[in-house]
Amino acid sequence: MPTVRATIKPNSRKGPLVETAEDGSLTLYVRAPAVEGKANKAAIELLADHFGVTKSAVRLTAGATSRFKRFDIDGVRPRPESPVAATPRTPIPPPHSTGSSTADPAASGCALGR
């Protein structure tokens, strides 16, 4: 279960948005205000969507009343180079078609050869 460090930006017009810093920490922009746990709830929903897990798989472990928070996320593997950050699930792109390979771009309909 990886731990994710995050900074929350409540009342953000930019959000909902997740930005990743070079150190692996996240900045979460949420529209909800930091009142009665609304921003925390929005952050959990945003992280669940970002990592492709259910909301129940994301738990706030530290920083309930702070802008700096730690979340544990079940069902996501940590990056090998950063043990404190989690990696979102990314789909594997489909293989390219194996149609005729032609060296002439104009023959393939490409605008570059015209």
N, C-alpha and C. Protein backbone atom coordinates (compact mmCIF):
# COMPACT_ATOMS: atom_id res chain seq x y z
N MET A 1 0.85 -1.17 0.00
CA MET A 1 0.00 0.00 0.00
C MET A 1 0.90 1.24 0.00
N PRO A 2 0.94 1.94 -1.11
CA PRO A 2 1.79 3.13 -1.18
C PRO A 2 1.20 4.32 -0.42
N THR A 3 2.08 5.17 0.03
CA THR A 3 1.70 6.41 0.69
C THR A 3 1.96 7.55 -0.28
N VAL A 4 0.98 8.42 -0.42
CA VAL A 4 1.09 9.57 -1.32
C VAL A 4 1.10 10.84 -0.49
N ARG A 5 2.10 11.70 -0.73
CA ARG A 5 2.14 13.01 -0.09
C ARG A 5 1.47 14.01 -1.01
N ALA A 6 0.61 14.84 -0.45
CA ALA A 6 -0.14 15.78 -1.28
C ALA A 6 -0.32 17.12 -0.57
N THR A 7 -0.36 18.16 -1.37
CA THR A 7 -0.72 19.49 -0.91
C THR A 7 -2.08 19.80 -1.50
N ILE A 8 -3.01 20.23 -0.67
CA ILE A 8 -4.37 20.50 -1.10
C ILE A 8 -4.55 21.99 -1.33
N LYS A 9 -5.17 22.32 -2.44
CA LYS A 9 -5.52 23.71 -2.76
C LYS A 9 -7.04 23.80 -2.83
N PRO A 10 -7.71 24.09 -1.70
CA PRO A 10 -9.18 24.18 -1.72
C PRO A 10 -9.65 25.46 -2.40
N ASN A 11 -10.93 25.50 -2.74
CA ASN A 11 -11.56 26.65 -3.41
C ASN A 11 -10.85 27.03 -4.69
N SER A 12 -10.31 26.06 -5.39
CA SER A 12 -9.52 26.35 -6.58
C SER A 12 -10.41 26.43 -7.83
N ARG A 13 -10.19 27.43 -8.61
CA ARG A 13 -10.90 27.53 -9.89
C ARG A 13 -10.26 26.62 -10.93
N LYS A 14 -9.02 26.20 -10.65
CA LYS A 14 -8.27 25.34 -11.54
C LYS A 14 -8.77 23.90 -11.51
N GLY A 15 -9.38 23.52 -10.40
CA GLY A 15 -9.69 22.12 -10.16
C GLY A 15 -10.99 21.65 -10.76
N PRO A 16 -11.24 20.38 -10.65
CA PRO A 16 -10.40 19.37 -10.02
C PRO A 16 -9.23 18.98 -10.92
N LEU A 17 -8.03 18.98 -10.32
CA LEU A 17 -6.81 18.73 -11.08
C LEU A 17 -5.75 18.16 -10.15
N VAL A 18 -4.93 17.23 -10.70
CA VAL A 18 -3.81 16.65 -9.97
C VAL A 18 -2.53 17.00 -10.72
N GLU A 19 -1.57 17.60 -10.03
CA GLU A 19 -0.26 17.88 -10.61
C GLU A 19 0.78 17.10 -9.82
N THR A 20 1.77 16.54 -10.53
CA THR A 20 2.83 15.77 -9.89
C THR A 20 4.12 16.56 -9.89
N ALA A 21 4.74 16.70 -8.73
CA ALA A 21 6.02 17.40 -8.61
C ALA A 21 7.16 16.42 -8.91
N GLU A 22 8.36 16.95 -9.11
CA GLU A 22 9.52 16.11 -9.42
C GLU A 22 9.85 15.14 -8.29
N ASP A 23 9.54 15.51 -7.04
CA ASP A 23 9.84 14.63 -5.91
C ASP A 23 8.78 13.56 -5.69
N GLY A 24 7.76 13.52 -6.54
CA GLY A 24 6.72 12.51 -6.44
C GLY A 24 5.51 12.95 -5.65
N SER A 25 5.57 14.10 -4.99
CA SER A 25 4.42 14.58 -4.25
C SER A 25 3.39 15.14 -5.23
N LEU A 26 2.16 15.23 -4.77
CA LEU A 26 1.08 15.71 -5.63
C LEU A 26 0.53 17.03 -5.10
N THR A 27 0.01 17.83 -6.01
CA THR A 27 -0.76 19.01 -5.64
C THR A 27 -2.17 18.75 -6.16
N LEU A 28 -3.13 18.80 -5.25
CA LEU A 28 -4.52 18.53 -5.59
C LEU A 28 -5.31 19.83 -5.55
N TYR A 29 -5.85 20.21 -6.68
CA TYR A 29 -6.69 21.40 -6.77
C TYR A 29 -8.15 20.94 -6.72
N VAL A 30 -8.84 21.33 -5.66
CA VAL A 30 -10.25 20.95 -5.52
C VAL A 30 -11.10 22.20 -5.39
N ARG A 31 -12.33 22.11 -5.83
CA ARG A 31 -13.22 23.26 -5.78
C ARG A 31 -13.91 23.41 -4.43
N ALA A 32 -13.94 22.34 -3.66
CA ALA A 32 -14.63 22.35 -2.37
C ALA A 32 -13.89 23.24 -1.37
N PRO A 33 -14.63 23.89 -0.48
CA PRO A 33 -13.98 24.72 0.54
C PRO A 33 -13.41 23.85 1.65
N ALA A 34 -12.45 24.40 2.39
CA ALA A 34 -11.82 23.69 3.51
C ALA A 34 -12.67 23.89 4.76
N VAL A 35 -13.91 23.45 4.69
CA VAL A 35 -14.86 23.59 5.79
C VAL A 35 -15.51 22.23 6.03
N GLU A 36 -15.50 21.78 7.29
CA GLU A 36 -16.17 20.54 7.70
C GLU A 36 -15.75 19.33 6.88
N GLY A 37 -14.48 19.28 6.47
CA GLY A 37 -13.96 18.12 5.76
C GLY A 37 -14.35 18.01 4.29
N LYS A 38 -14.96 19.04 3.75
CA LYS A 38 -15.40 18.98 2.35
C LYS A 38 -14.22 18.89 1.38
N ALA A 39 -13.15 19.63 1.65
CA ALA A 39 -11.97 19.57 0.77
C ALA A 39 -11.29 18.21 0.89
N ASN A 40 -11.26 17.62 2.09
CA ASN A 40 -10.68 16.29 2.25
C ASN A 40 -11.47 15.26 1.46
N LYS A 41 -12.79 15.34 1.53
CA LYS A 41 -13.64 14.40 0.79
C LYS A 41 -13.42 14.56 -0.71
N ALA A 42 -13.33 15.80 -1.18
CA ALA A 42 -13.09 16.05 -2.60
C ALA A 42 -11.71 15.54 -3.02
N ALA A 43 -10.72 15.67 -2.13
CA ALA A 43 -9.37 15.19 -2.42
C ALA A 43 -9.36 13.67 -2.54
N ILE A 44 -10.09 12.98 -1.67
CA ILE A 44 -10.16 11.52 -1.74
C ILE A 44 -10.82 11.08 -3.04
N GLU A 45 -11.90 11.75 -3.43
CA GLU A 45 -12.58 11.43 -4.68
C GLU A 45 -11.65 11.67 -5.88
N LEU A 46 -10.91 12.77 -5.84
CA LEU A 46 -9.99 13.10 -6.92
C LEU A 46 -8.86 12.08 -7.03
N LEU A 47 -8.28 11.69 -5.90
CA LEU A 47 -7.22 10.69 -5.92
C LEU A 47 -7.72 9.33 -6.40
N ALA A 48 -8.91 8.95 -5.96
CA ALA A 48 -9.48 7.67 -6.40
C ALA A 48 -9.66 7.67 -7.92
N ASP A 49 -10.15 8.76 -8.46
CA ASP A 49 -10.32 8.86 -9.91
C ASP A 49 -8.97 8.88 -10.62
N HIS A 50 -8.00 9.60 -10.07
CA HIS A 50 -6.68 9.72 -10.68
C HIS A 50 -5.96 8.38 -10.75
N PHE A 51 -6.06 7.57 -9.69
CA PHE A 51 -5.36 6.29 -9.65
C PHE A 51 -6.22 5.12 -10.09
N GLY A 52 -7.48 5.36 -10.43
CA GLY A 52 -8.33 4.30 -10.93
C GLY A 52 -8.73 3.28 -9.88
N VAL A 53 -8.95 3.74 -8.65
CA VAL A 53 -9.38 2.87 -7.57
C VAL A 53 -10.69 3.40 -6.99
N THR A 54 -11.30 2.63 -6.11
CA THR A 54 -12.52 3.10 -5.47
C THR A 54 -12.18 4.11 -4.37
N LYS A 55 -13.17 4.90 -3.98
CA LYS A 55 -12.95 5.88 -2.92
C LYS A 55 -12.59 5.21 -1.60
N SER A 56 -13.11 4.01 -1.37
CA SER A 56 -12.81 3.31 -0.12
C SER A 56 -11.36 2.82 -0.07
N ALA A 57 -10.67 2.80 -1.22
CA ALA A 57 -9.26 2.38 -1.26
C ALA A 57 -8.32 3.52 -0.89
N VAL A 58 -8.84 4.74 -0.77
CA VAL A 58 -8.02 5.91 -0.43
C VAL A 58 -8.34 6.32 1.00
N ARG A 59 -7.29 6.37 1.83
CA ARG A 59 -7.47 6.75 3.23
C ARG A 59 -6.55 7.91 3.58
N LEU A 60 -7.09 8.90 4.25
CA LEU A 60 -6.31 10.02 4.76
C LEU A 60 -5.64 9.55 6.04
N THR A 61 -4.30 9.54 6.06
CA THR A 61 -3.58 9.02 7.23
C THR A 61 -2.95 10.12 8.07
N ALA A 62 -2.74 11.30 7.50
CA ALA A 62 -2.15 12.41 8.26
C ALA A 62 -2.53 13.73 7.61
N GLY A 63 -2.72 14.75 8.45
CA GLY A 63 -2.97 16.09 7.95
C GLY A 63 -4.42 16.45 7.75
N ALA A 64 -5.31 15.93 8.55
CA ALA A 64 -6.74 16.18 8.38
C ALA A 64 -7.08 17.67 8.40
N THR A 65 -6.34 18.47 9.17
CA THR A 65 -6.62 19.90 9.25
C THR A 65 -5.50 20.74 8.64
N SER A 66 -4.61 20.11 7.91
CA SER A 66 -3.47 20.80 7.31
C SER A 66 -3.61 20.80 5.79
N ARG A 67 -2.88 21.69 5.13
CA ARG A 67 -2.84 21.68 3.67
C ARG A 67 -1.96 20.54 3.16
N PHE A 68 -1.05 20.08 4.00
CA PHE A 68 -0.12 19.00 3.65
C PHE A 68 -0.66 17.70 4.22
N LYS A 69 -0.92 16.74 3.35
CA LYS A 69 -1.59 15.52 3.77
C LYS A 69 -0.85 14.29 3.27
N ARG A 70 -1.14 13.15 3.92
CA ARG A 70 -0.65 11.85 3.46
C ARG A 70 -1.84 10.94 3.30
N PHE A 71 -1.85 10.22 2.18
CA PHE A 71 -2.91 9.28 1.89
C PHE A 71 -2.30 7.91 1.65
N ASP A 72 -2.97 6.86 2.13
CA ASP A 72 -2.63 5.49 1.77
C ASP A 72 -3.62 5.07 0.70
N ILE A 73 -3.11 4.40 -0.34
CA ILE A 73 -3.96 3.98 -1.44
C ILE A 73 -3.77 2.48 -1.66
N ASP A 74 -4.84 1.71 -1.52
CA ASP A 74 -4.82 0.27 -1.76
C ASP A 74 -5.00 0.01 -3.25
N GLY A 75 -4.33 -1.03 -3.75
CA GLY A 75 -4.53 -1.45 -5.13
C GLY A 75 -3.66 -0.74 -6.14
N VAL A 76 -2.68 0.04 -5.70
CA VAL A 76 -1.77 0.74 -6.61
C VAL A 76 -0.35 0.38 -6.19
N ARG A 77 0.50 0.06 -7.17
CA ARG A 77 1.89 -0.28 -6.88
C ARG A 77 2.74 0.99 -6.85
N PRO A 78 3.68 1.09 -5.90
CA PRO A 78 4.56 2.26 -5.87
C PRO A 78 5.57 2.21 -7.00
N ARG A 79 6.04 3.37 -7.43
CA ARG A 79 7.11 3.46 -8.43
C ARG A 79 8.39 2.94 -7.82
N PRO A 80 9.20 2.21 -8.61
CA PRO A 80 10.46 1.72 -8.06
C PRO A 80 11.41 2.85 -7.64
N GLU A 81 11.41 3.97 -8.37
CA GLU A 81 12.35 5.05 -8.06
C GLU A 81 11.86 5.95 -6.94
N SER A 82 10.61 5.84 -6.54
CA SER A 82 10.08 6.70 -5.48
C SER A 82 9.15 5.89 -4.58
N PRO A 83 9.63 5.42 -3.45
CA PRO A 83 8.80 4.57 -2.60
C PRO A 83 7.64 5.29 -1.94
N VAL A 84 7.60 6.62 -1.95
CA VAL A 84 6.52 7.34 -1.30
C VAL A 84 5.43 7.77 -2.26
N ALA A 85 5.63 7.59 -3.53
CA ALA A 85 4.64 8.04 -4.50
C ALA A 85 4.01 6.84 -5.18
N ALA A 86 2.79 7.02 -5.62
CA ALA A 86 2.09 5.95 -6.33
C ALA A 86 1.92 6.34 -7.79
N THR A 87 1.85 5.36 -8.62
CA THR A 87 1.74 5.57 -10.05
C THR A 87 0.31 5.33 -10.52
N PRO A 88 -0.25 6.24 -11.32
CA PRO A 88 -1.60 5.98 -11.83
C PRO A 88 -1.57 4.88 -12.87
N ARG A 89 -2.68 4.22 -13.01
CA ARG A 89 -2.77 3.19 -14.05
C ARG A 89 -2.87 3.87 -15.40
N THR A 90 -2.04 3.43 -16.33
CA THR A 90 -2.08 3.98 -17.68
C THR A 90 -2.36 2.86 -18.65
N PRO A 91 -3.28 3.06 -19.59
CA PRO A 91 -3.59 2.00 -20.53
C PRO A 91 -2.43 1.78 -21.50
N ILE A 92 -2.31 0.56 -21.95
CA ILE A 92 -1.28 0.22 -22.93
C ILE A 92 -1.83 0.57 -24.30
N PRO A 93 -1.08 1.34 -25.11
CA PRO A 93 -1.60 1.72 -26.42
C PRO A 93 -1.71 0.49 -27.33
N PRO A 94 -2.70 0.49 -28.23
CA PRO A 94 -2.86 -0.64 -29.15
C PRO A 94 -1.70 -0.68 -30.13
N PRO A 95 -1.37 -1.86 -30.65
CA PRO A 95 -0.28 -1.95 -31.62
C PRO A 95 -0.66 -1.22 -32.90
N HIS A 96 0.36 -0.74 -33.59
CA HIS A 96 0.13 -0.04 -34.85
C HIS A 96 -0.32 -1.02 -35.91
N SER A 97 -1.08 -0.54 -36.87
CA SER A 97 -1.55 -1.43 -37.93
C SER A 97 -0.37 -1.90 -38.76
N THR A 98 -0.50 -3.09 -39.28
CA THR A 98 0.59 -3.68 -40.07
C THR A 98 0.29 -3.56 -41.55
N GLY A 99 -0.28 -2.45 -41.94
CA GLY A 99 -0.59 -2.21 -43.35
C GLY A 99 0.69 -2.10 -44.17
N SER A 100 0.54 -1.77 -45.41
CA SER A 100 1.71 -1.69 -46.28
C SER A 100 2.63 -0.57 -45.82
N SER A 101 3.90 -0.89 -45.73
CA SER A 101 4.87 0.13 -45.36
C SER A 101 5.49 0.67 -46.63
N THR A 102 5.22 1.90 -46.86
CA THR A 102 5.71 2.50 -48.09
C THR A 102 6.63 3.65 -47.74
N ALA A 103 7.69 3.82 -48.46
CA ALA A 103 8.66 4.86 -48.18
C ALA A 103 8.20 6.21 -48.70
N ASP A 104 7.26 6.22 -49.63
CA ASP A 104 6.80 7.47 -50.23
C ASP A 104 5.64 8.02 -49.41
N PRO A 105 5.82 9.17 -48.69
CA PRO A 105 4.74 9.71 -47.87
C PRO A 105 3.54 10.13 -48.69
N ALA A 106 3.74 10.55 -49.94
CA ALA A 106 2.62 10.98 -50.77
C ALA A 106 1.73 9.79 -51.11
N ALA A 107 2.31 8.61 -51.26
CA ALA A 107 1.54 7.43 -51.59
C ALA A 107 0.65 7.00 -50.43
N SER A 108 1.05 7.32 -49.24
CA SER A 108 0.26 6.91 -48.07
C SER A 108 -0.81 7.95 -47.72
N GLY A 109 -0.87 9.06 -48.44
CA GLY A 109 -1.85 10.09 -48.17
C GLY A 109 -1.35 11.13 -47.17
N CYS A 110 -0.11 11.09 -46.83
CA CYS A 110 0.47 12.03 -45.89
C CYS A 110 0.65 13.38 -46.55
N ALA A 111 0.33 14.45 -45.87
CA ALA A 111 0.44 15.79 -46.44
C ALA A 111 1.88 16.27 -46.52
N LEU A 112 2.81 15.59 -45.85
CA LEU A 112 4.19 16.04 -45.85
C LEU A 112 4.87 15.85 -47.20
N GLY A 113 4.42 14.86 -47.96
CA GLY A 113 5.08 14.59 -49.24
C GLY A 113 4.54 15.42 -50.39
N ARG A 114 3.63 16.30 -50.13
CA ARG A 114 3.01 17.07 -51.22
C ARG A 114 3.64 18.41 -51.39
